[in-house]
N, C-alpha and C. Protein backbone atom coordinates (compact mmCIF):
# COMPACT_ATOMS: atom_id res chain seq x y z
N UNK A 1 94.38 27.88 135.16
CA UNK A 1 95.99 28.19 135.96
C UNK A 1 96.90 29.33 134.76
N UNK A 2 97.89 30.14 135.91
CA UNK A 2 98.52 30.62 134.95
C UNK A 2 99.60 30.11 135.43
N UNK A 3 100.85 30.06 134.36
CA UNK A 3 101.77 28.96 134.41
C UNK A 3 102.79 29.84 133.17
N UNK A 4 104.18 30.06 134.25
CA UNK A 4 104.73 30.35 133.52
C UNK A 4 106.66 29.36 133.36
N UNK A 5 106.39 29.33 132.42
CA UNK A 5 107.42 28.76 131.60
C UNK A 5 109.27 29.44 131.82
N UNK A 6 110.02 28.70 132.61
CA UNK A 6 111.38 29.15 133.18
C UNK A 6 112.03 29.30 131.33
N UNK A 7 112.95 29.79 131.25
CA UNK A 7 113.95 29.94 130.16
C UNK A 7 114.48 29.02 129.17
N UNK A 8 114.52 28.19 129.84
CA UNK A 8 114.64 26.58 129.16
C UNK A 8 113.66 25.31 128.96
N UNK A 9 112.37 25.59 129.49
CA UNK A 9 111.68 24.73 129.46
C UNK A 9 111.15 24.95 127.82
N UNK A 10 110.62 23.78 127.22
CA UNK A 10 110.53 23.34 125.92
C UNK A 10 109.09 24.08 125.44
N UNK A 11 109.43 25.04 124.17
CA UNK A 11 108.30 25.56 124.10
C UNK A 11 107.16 25.42 123.57
N UNK A 12 107.28 24.23 122.70
CA UNK A 12 106.57 23.04 122.54
C UNK A 12 105.27 22.68 123.39
N UNK A 13 105.70 22.70 124.63
CA UNK A 13 104.38 22.33 125.81
C UNK A 13 103.51 23.30 125.72
N UNK A 14 103.61 24.33 125.22
CA UNK A 14 102.00 25.04 125.69
C UNK A 14 101.68 24.72 124.34
N UNK A 15 101.64 24.03 123.93
CA UNK A 15 100.26 23.49 122.73
C UNK A 15 99.57 22.16 123.48
N UNK A 16 100.68 21.89 124.53
CA UNK A 16 99.20 20.96 125.33
C UNK A 16 98.58 21.10 126.65
N UNK A 17 98.88 22.11 126.59
CA UNK A 17 98.53 23.06 127.75
C UNK A 17 97.79 24.18 127.87
N UNK A 18 96.73 23.72 126.58
CA UNK A 18 95.64 24.96 126.48
C UNK A 18 94.81 25.13 127.42
N UNK A 19 94.37 24.83 128.18
CA UNK A 19 92.83 25.36 129.21
C UNK A 19 93.91 25.91 130.11
N UNK A 20 94.91 26.37 129.91
CA UNK A 20 95.79 27.50 131.38
C UNK A 20 96.67 28.17 130.50
N UNK A 21 96.87 29.46 131.11
CA UNK A 21 97.40 30.67 130.72
C UNK A 21 98.68 30.30 131.17
N UNK A 22 99.28 30.52 129.56
CA UNK A 22 101.06 30.12 129.88
C UNK A 22 101.66 31.66 129.20
N UNK A 23 102.57 31.55 130.27
CA UNK A 23 103.61 32.99 129.80
C UNK A 23 104.81 32.28 130.16
N UNK A 24 106.39 33.36 128.82
CA UNK A 24 107.27 32.95 128.71
C UNK A 24 108.39 34.24 129.61
N UNK A 25 108.84 34.25 130.62
CA UNK A 25 109.36 35.47 131.12
C UNK A 25 109.86 36.57 129.97
N UNK A 26 110.30 36.37 128.82
CA UNK A 26 110.29 37.12 127.96
C UNK A 26 109.60 38.15 127.44
N UNK A 27 108.26 37.55 127.89
CA UNK A 27 107.02 38.38 127.42
C UNK A 27 106.58 38.92 128.03
N UNK A 28 106.89 39.11 129.51
CA UNK A 28 107.26 39.96 130.77
C UNK A 28 107.95 40.69 130.88
N UNK A 29 109.35 41.00 129.90
CA UNK A 29 110.09 41.44 130.52
C UNK A 29 111.29 41.21 131.78
N UNK A 30 111.28 39.62 131.83
CA UNK A 30 111.78 39.13 132.49
C UNK A 30 113.29 38.66 133.03
N UNK A 31 113.22 38.31 131.78
CA UNK A 31 114.42 37.51 130.86
C UNK A 31 115.58 37.78 131.61
N UNK A 32 116.14 36.46 132.15
CA UNK A 32 117.50 37.33 132.62
C UNK A 32 117.55 37.08 134.12
N UNK A 33 116.40 36.00 134.45
CA UNK A 33 116.05 36.98 135.91
C UNK A 33 116.94 35.79 137.04
N UNK A 34 116.91 35.72 138.33
CA UNK A 34 117.71 34.73 138.61
C UNK A 34 116.56 33.85 139.31
N UNK A 35 116.49 32.57 139.97
CA UNK A 35 115.05 31.61 140.20
C UNK A 35 114.69 32.60 141.12
N UNK A 36 115.15 32.75 142.09
CA UNK A 36 114.97 32.98 143.23
C UNK A 36 113.94 34.71 142.67
N UNK A 37 114.39 35.19 142.06
CA UNK A 37 113.76 36.79 141.13
C UNK A 37 112.26 36.86 140.52
N UNK A 38 113.21 35.30 140.19
CA UNK A 38 111.52 34.65 138.89
C UNK A 38 110.49 34.56 140.16
N UNK A 39 110.61 33.16 140.94
CA UNK A 39 109.92 33.16 142.12
C UNK A 39 109.17 34.34 142.45
N UNK A 40 109.87 35.11 143.09
CA UNK A 40 109.18 36.26 143.50
C UNK A 40 108.07 37.05 142.75
N UNK A 41 108.86 37.19 140.97
CA UNK A 41 108.31 38.35 140.91
C UNK A 41 106.49 37.63 140.28
N UNK A 42 107.28 36.33 139.45
CA UNK A 42 106.03 35.43 138.94
C UNK A 42 104.55 35.27 140.27
N UNK A 43 104.92 34.90 141.92
CA UNK A 43 103.56 34.81 143.13
C UNK A 43 103.63 36.07 143.38
N UNK A 44 104.09 37.37 142.81
CA UNK A 44 103.81 38.77 143.07
C UNK A 44 102.36 39.00 141.63
N UNK A 45 102.70 38.62 140.51
CA UNK A 45 101.71 38.77 139.66
C UNK A 45 101.17 37.98 139.54
N UNK A 46 100.98 36.84 140.63
CA UNK A 46 99.45 35.64 140.87
C UNK A 46 99.55 34.58 139.99
N UNK A 47 101.08 34.23 139.08
CA UNK A 47 101.33 32.74 138.81
C UNK A 47 100.90 31.65 139.75
N UNK A 48 100.09 30.17 139.08
CA UNK A 48 99.92 29.08 140.16
C UNK A 48 101.20 28.33 140.35
N UNK A 49 102.22 28.50 138.84
CA UNK A 49 102.90 27.38 138.53
C UNK A 49 104.29 27.94 137.83
N UNK A 50 105.54 27.45 138.38
CA UNK A 50 106.46 27.50 137.23
C UNK A 50 106.86 26.50 136.86
N UNK A 51 106.76 26.63 135.90
CA UNK A 51 107.92 25.09 135.01
C UNK A 51 109.51 25.15 134.26
N UNK A 52 110.03 24.72 134.82
CA UNK A 52 111.39 25.19 135.03
C UNK A 52 112.25 23.93 134.71
N UNK A 53 113.87 23.86 133.93
CA UNK A 53 114.40 22.72 133.54
C UNK A 53 115.92 23.09 134.75
N UNK A 54 115.60 23.71 135.82
CA UNK A 54 116.89 24.21 136.19
C UNK A 54 116.55 22.53 137.48
N UNK A 55 117.33 21.50 136.65
CA UNK A 55 117.59 21.18 137.92
C UNK A 55 118.12 21.07 139.10
N UNK A 56 118.65 22.28 139.46
CA UNK A 56 119.56 22.14 141.32
C UNK A 56 118.51 23.21 141.80
N UNK A 57 117.52 23.13 140.98
CA UNK A 57 116.29 24.46 141.70
C UNK A 57 116.20 23.81 143.36
N UNK A 58 115.84 22.38 143.40
CA UNK A 58 115.29 22.39 144.81
C UNK A 58 116.40 22.60 146.22
N UNK A 59 117.73 22.56 145.25
CA UNK A 59 118.84 22.71 146.29
C UNK A 59 119.01 24.37 146.87
N UNK A 60 118.60 25.27 145.73
CA UNK A 60 118.59 26.42 145.70
C UNK A 60 117.62 27.39 146.32
N UNK A 61 116.58 27.14 146.50
CA UNK A 61 115.18 27.79 146.77
C UNK A 61 114.79 26.80 148.04
N UNK A 62 113.63 27.92 148.60
CA UNK A 62 113.41 27.10 149.96
C UNK A 62 111.91 27.19 149.54
N UNK A 63 110.82 26.22 149.07
CA UNK A 63 109.94 26.71 148.60
C UNK A 63 108.50 26.06 149.70
N UNK A 64 108.64 26.87 150.94
CA UNK A 64 108.00 26.69 152.02
C UNK A 64 107.18 27.75 151.89
N UNK A 65 105.81 27.60 151.74
CA UNK A 65 104.95 28.85 152.39
C UNK A 65 105.13 29.65 150.93
N UNK A 66 105.86 29.18 149.95
CA UNK A 66 105.44 29.94 148.59
C UNK A 66 103.43 29.68 148.74
N UNK A 67 102.84 30.34 146.91
CA UNK A 67 101.52 30.46 146.69
C UNK A 67 102.06 29.86 145.64
N UNK A 68 102.68 29.78 144.98
CA UNK A 68 102.71 29.05 143.97
C UNK A 68 104.13 27.23 144.18
N UNK A 69 103.55 26.79 142.97
CA UNK A 69 103.75 25.24 143.04
C UNK A 69 104.87 25.54 141.56
N UNK A 70 106.72 24.35 142.19
CA UNK A 70 107.14 24.77 140.45
C UNK A 70 107.41 23.39 140.32
N UNK A 71 107.21 23.16 139.14
CA UNK A 71 107.58 21.74 138.41
C UNK A 71 108.74 21.94 137.84
N UNK A 72 110.04 20.88 138.14
CA UNK A 72 111.15 20.99 137.42
C UNK A 72 111.02 19.66 136.55
N UNK A 73 111.51 19.79 134.70
CA UNK A 73 111.69 18.83 133.95
C UNK A 73 112.94 18.84 133.91
N UNK A 74 113.20 17.43 134.13
CA UNK A 74 114.93 17.53 134.13
C UNK A 74 115.34 16.96 133.35
N UNK A 75 114.92 17.75 131.44
CA UNK A 75 115.60 18.02 130.40
C UNK A 75 115.15 19.09 129.66
N UNK A 76 116.12 19.50 128.81
CA UNK A 76 115.42 20.45 128.16
C UNK A 76 114.68 20.68 127.16
N UNK A 77 115.05 18.99 126.24
CA UNK A 77 114.76 17.58 125.40
C UNK A 77 113.31 18.11 124.60
N UNK A 78 112.98 18.84 124.06
CA UNK A 78 111.77 18.12 123.02
C UNK A 78 110.91 17.16 123.77
N UNK A 79 111.89 16.23 122.34
CA UNK A 79 111.46 15.23 122.03
C UNK A 79 111.40 14.27 123.33
N UNK A 80 111.80 14.35 124.29
CA UNK A 80 112.16 13.45 125.55
C UNK A 80 110.56 14.04 126.52
N UNK A 81 110.72 15.44 126.90
CA UNK A 81 109.58 15.88 127.64
C UNK A 81 108.20 15.37 126.88
N UNK A 82 108.17 15.63 125.02
CA UNK A 82 106.84 14.91 124.77
C UNK A 82 106.82 13.65 125.32
N UNK A 83 107.56 12.68 125.47
CA UNK A 83 107.00 11.32 125.59
C UNK A 83 106.88 11.55 127.02
N UNK A 84 106.80 12.45 128.31
CA UNK A 84 105.89 12.72 129.10
C UNK A 84 104.81 14.02 129.12
N UNK A 85 104.66 13.98 128.36
CA UNK A 85 103.17 15.18 128.40
C UNK A 85 102.09 14.26 129.59
N UNK A 86 101.98 13.24 129.53
CA UNK A 86 100.38 12.58 130.38
C UNK A 86 101.02 12.86 131.61
N UNK A 87 102.03 12.93 131.92
CA UNK A 87 102.57 12.72 133.55
C UNK A 87 103.41 14.29 134.16
N UNK A 88 103.52 15.36 132.68
CA UNK A 88 103.69 16.54 132.66
C UNK A 88 102.43 17.28 133.53
N UNK A 89 101.17 16.70 132.83
CA UNK A 89 99.53 16.94 132.65
C UNK A 89 99.12 16.78 133.77
N UNK A 90 99.75 15.64 134.68
CA UNK A 90 99.20 15.05 135.94
C UNK A 90 99.57 15.55 136.94
N UNK A 91 101.04 16.68 136.97
CA UNK A 91 101.75 16.94 138.10
C UNK A 91 100.99 18.70 137.87
N UNK A 92 100.72 18.88 136.62
CA UNK A 92 99.99 20.46 136.86
C UNK A 92 99.13 20.28 137.72
N UNK A 93 98.09 19.33 137.50
CA UNK A 93 96.59 19.38 137.69
C UNK A 93 97.04 19.28 139.29
N UNK A 94 97.53 18.27 139.72
CA UNK A 94 98.08 18.08 141.12
C UNK A 94 98.88 19.03 141.80
N UNK A 95 99.55 19.27 141.57
CA UNK A 95 100.27 20.95 142.08
C UNK A 95 100.04 21.38 142.90
N UNK A 96 100.89 21.65 144.24
CA UNK A 96 99.49 22.92 145.60
C UNK A 96 100.97 23.43 145.73
N UNK A 97 100.34 24.34 146.15
CA UNK A 97 101.40 25.62 146.77
C UNK A 97 102.25 25.05 147.17
N UNK A 98 102.96 25.95 146.89
CA UNK A 98 104.89 25.36 147.97
C UNK A 98 105.69 24.28 147.91
N UNK A 99 104.70 23.66 146.92
CA UNK A 99 105.48 22.15 146.60
C UNK A 99 105.92 21.49 145.25
N UNK A 100 107.38 21.24 145.13
CA UNK A 100 108.39 20.92 144.03
C UNK A 100 107.89 19.55 143.46
N UNK A 101 107.65 19.59 142.45
CA UNK A 101 107.84 17.80 141.91
C UNK A 101 109.24 17.87 140.65
N UNK A 102 109.78 17.06 140.71
CA UNK A 102 110.36 16.90 139.76
C UNK A 102 109.78 15.36 138.84
N UNK A 103 110.10 15.67 137.30
CA UNK A 103 109.87 15.27 135.97
C UNK A 103 111.07 14.35 135.19
N UNK A 104 111.49 13.61 136.08
CA UNK A 104 112.76 12.74 134.56
C UNK A 104 112.32 12.32 133.23
N UNK A 105 112.70 13.00 132.53
CA UNK A 105 112.43 12.61 131.54
C UNK A 105 113.69 12.51 130.45
N UNK A 106 114.30 11.31 130.67
CA UNK A 106 114.93 10.73 129.25
C UNK A 106 115.61 10.52 127.93
N UNK A 107 113.54 9.73 127.44
CA UNK A 107 114.11 9.59 126.60
C UNK A 107 112.88 9.27 125.90
N UNK A 108 112.77 9.41 124.62
CA UNK A 108 111.48 8.78 123.97
C UNK A 108 110.83 7.51 124.20
N UNK A 109 109.51 7.11 124.43
CA UNK A 109 108.97 5.87 124.98
C UNK A 109 108.76 5.02 124.02
N UNK A 110 108.82 3.91 123.77
CA UNK A 110 108.42 3.56 122.84
C UNK A 110 106.72 3.57 122.36
N UNK A 111 106.01 3.56 121.20
CA UNK A 111 104.76 3.02 121.03
C UNK A 111 104.49 1.88 121.11
């Protein structure tokens, strides 16, 4: 699966997604694009999924009819996202085109 992180997505997450191709907008010359424009270029370039930390994407973008899915991590904090790795991986596996999944990550889970 081809995955694009938005600019706020914690970069260490890439280490847990080695079975996927993961890119960052900076690498593609897409830094600074608005959500709508980023979705358009990602979709036209063949990405399957955008992972974002934009809490308001659900209200800003209509994903119906899109060929890519969006996962919104509701925190930019890597320690918090790290505690939800399995939930994130499951959401990636299950994500369908045009779908938005929100993952609420708020604090480290105790072992």
